[in-house]
Amino acid sequence: MRETLTMTTRKPKGEPMAGGSGIGVSRNRVFRCSDELWDAAKAKADQNGEKVADVIREALVMYVGDPSMPVMAERKS
């Protein structure tokens, strides 16, 4: 059974949400993983004072092998 989500007013695609870090804009990406993996990652990130999204971005940079790769897109003026 699919959950019903209540939608709030959304900003245009690619625009940072209010209260964001202001680093820049980026697209939202979606991937699948087990609940067990997500819960373990969330618990470890919480324990380390991190966000799972930041951990995933860091892992992708390491996977690509290019530490100069920007993790967030530059803000367009």
C-alpha atoms as a PDB file:
ATOM      1  CA  MET A   1       0.000   0.000   0.000  1.00  0.00           C
ATOM      2  CA  ARG A   2       1.388   3.363  -0.984  1.00  0.00           C
ATOM      3  CA  GLU A   3       1.610   6.125   1.643  1.00  0.00           C
ATOM      4  CA  THR A   4      -0.156   9.410   0.991  1.00  0.00           C
ATOM      5  CA  LEU A   5       2.057  12.435   1.538  1.00  0.00           C
ATOM      6  CA  THR A   6       0.814  15.908   2.310  1.00  0.00           C
ATOM      7  CA  MET A   7       2.443  18.348  -0.061  1.00  0.00           C
ATOM      8  CA  THR A   8       3.467  21.835   0.973  1.00  0.00           C
ATOM      9  CA  THR A   9       4.113  24.800  -1.285  1.00  0.00           C
ATOM     10  CA  ARG A  10       7.221  23.980  -3.280  1.00  0.00           C
ATOM     11  CA  LYS A  11       9.877  26.250  -4.676  1.00  0.00           C
ATOM     12  CA  PRO A  12      10.703  26.013  -8.405  1.00  0.00           C
ATOM     13  CA  LYS A  13      12.836  23.000  -9.331  1.00  0.00           C
ATOM     14  CA  GLY A  14      16.505  23.543  -8.547  1.00  0.00           C
ATOM     15  CA  GLU A  15      15.923  26.453  -6.162  1.00  0.00           C
ATOM     16  CA  PRO A  16      17.301  25.983  -2.639  1.00  0.00           C
ATOM     17  CA  MET A  17      14.767  25.629   0.154  1.00  0.00           C
ATOM     18  CA  ALA A  18      14.472  28.355   2.797  1.00  0.00           C
ATOM     19  CA  GLY A  19      16.941  27.806   5.604  1.00  0.00           C
ATOM     20  CA  GLY A  20      19.324  25.951   3.302  1.00  0.00           C
ATOM     21  CA  SER A  21      23.067  26.334   3.432  1.00  0.00           C
ATOM     22  CA  GLY A  22      23.145  28.699   0.453  1.00  0.00           C
ATOM     23  CA  ILE A  23      25.980  26.654  -1.054  1.00  0.00           C
ATOM     24  CA  GLY A  24      24.199  26.438  -4.370  1.00  0.00           C
ATOM     25  CA  VAL A  25      21.423  24.701  -6.170  1.00  0.00           C
ATOM     26  CA  SER A  26      21.301  21.044  -7.041  1.00  0.00           C
ATOM     27  CA  ARG A  27      18.767  18.534  -8.256  1.00  0.00           C
ATOM     28  CA  ASN A  28      17.120  16.098  -5.919  1.00  0.00           C
ATOM     29  CA  ARG A  29      18.270  12.514  -6.662  1.00  0.00           C
ATOM     30  CA  VAL A  30      16.434   9.336  -5.770  1.00  0.00           C
ATOM     31  CA  PHE A  31      17.850   5.884  -5.097  1.00  0.00           C
ATOM     32  CA  ARG A  32      16.668   2.706  -3.442  1.00  0.00           C
ATOM     33  CA  CYS A  33      18.113   0.914  -0.430  1.00  0.00           C
ATOM     34  CA  SER A  34      16.764  -1.349   2.283  1.00  0.00           C
ATOM     35  CA  ASP A  35      15.199   0.132   5.392  1.00  0.00           C
ATOM     36  CA  GLU A  36      17.861  -1.628   7.450  1.00  0.00           C
ATOM     37  CA  LEU A  37      20.691   0.042   5.519  1.00  0.00           C
ATOM     38  CA  TRP A  38      19.026   3.469   5.672  1.00  0.00           C
ATOM     39  CA  ASP A  39      18.281   3.162   9.399  1.00  0.00           C
ATOM     40  CA  ALA A  40      21.871   2.111  10.154  1.00  0.00           C
ATOM     41  CA  ALA A  41      23.267   4.964   8.040  1.00  0.00           C
ATOM     42  CA  LYS A  42      20.907   7.466   9.691  1.00  0.00           C
ATOM     43  CA  ALA A  43      21.854   6.252  13.181  1.00  0.00           C
ATOM     44  CA  LYS A  44      25.579   6.510  12.434  1.00  0.00           C
ATOM     45  CA  ALA A  45      25.196   9.929  10.796  1.00  0.00           C
ATOM     46  CA  ASP A  46      23.189  11.169  13.797  1.00  0.00           C
ATOM     47  CA  GLN A  47      25.842   9.807  16.146  1.00  0.00           C
ATOM     48  CA  ASN A  48      28.512  11.721  14.209  1.00  0.00           C
ATOM     49  CA  GLY A  49      26.448  14.910  13.923  1.00  0.00           C
ATOM     50  CA  GLU A  50      26.114  14.473  10.164  1.00  0.00           C
ATOM     51  CA  LYS A  51      23.309  14.195   7.629  1.00  0.00           C
ATOM     52  CA  VAL A  52      22.942  11.065   5.501  1.00  0.00           C
ATOM     53  CA  ALA A  53      22.838  13.249   2.357  1.00  0.00           C
ATOM     54  CA  ASP A  54      26.277  14.686   3.208  1.00  0.00           C
ATOM     55  CA  VAL A  55      27.654  11.178   3.802  1.00  0.00           C
ATOM     56  CA  ILE A  56      26.271  10.012   0.446  1.00  0.00           C
ATOM     57  CA  ARG A  57      27.749  13.016  -1.393  1.00  0.00           C
ATOM     58  CA  GLU A  58      31.155  12.368   0.210  1.00  0.00           C
ATOM     59  CA  ALA A  59      30.953   8.682  -0.774  1.00  0.00           C
ATOM     60  CA  LEU A  60      30.166   9.651  -4.383  1.00  0.00           C
ATOM     61  CA  VAL A  61      33.160  11.996  -4.533  1.00  0.00           C
ATOM     62  CA  MET A  62      35.382   9.187  -3.215  1.00  0.00           C
ATOM     63  CA  TYR A  63      33.856   6.740  -5.716  1.00  0.00           C
ATOM     64  CA  VAL A  64      34.492   9.088  -8.639  1.00  0.00           C
ATOM     65  CA  GLY A  65      38.055   9.593  -7.389  1.00  0.00           C
ATOM     66  CA  ASP A  66      38.166  13.338  -7.983  1.00  0.00           C
ATOM     67  CA  PRO A  67      38.294  15.367  -4.747  1.00  0.00           C
ATOM     68  CA  SER A  68      38.078  18.592  -6.754  1.00  0.00           C
ATOM     69  CA  MET A  69      34.581  17.598  -7.955  1.00  0.00           C
ATOM     70  CA  PRO A  70      31.988  20.072  -6.619  1.00  0.00           C
ATOM     71  CA  VAL A  71      29.425  18.381  -4.393  1.00  0.00           C
ATOM     72  CA  MET A  72      26.818  21.076  -4.919  1.00  0.00           C
ATOM     73  CA  ALA A  73      26.233  23.127  -8.047  1.00  0.00           C
ATOM     74  CA  GLU A  74      27.416  26.722  -8.003  1.00  0.00           C
ATOM     75  CA  ARG A  75      24.660  29.248  -7.484  1.00  0.00           C
ATOM     76  CA  LYS A  76      23.665  30.980 -10.706  1.00  0.00           C
ATOM     77  CA  SER A  77      23.511  34.763 -10.457  1.00  0.00           C
END
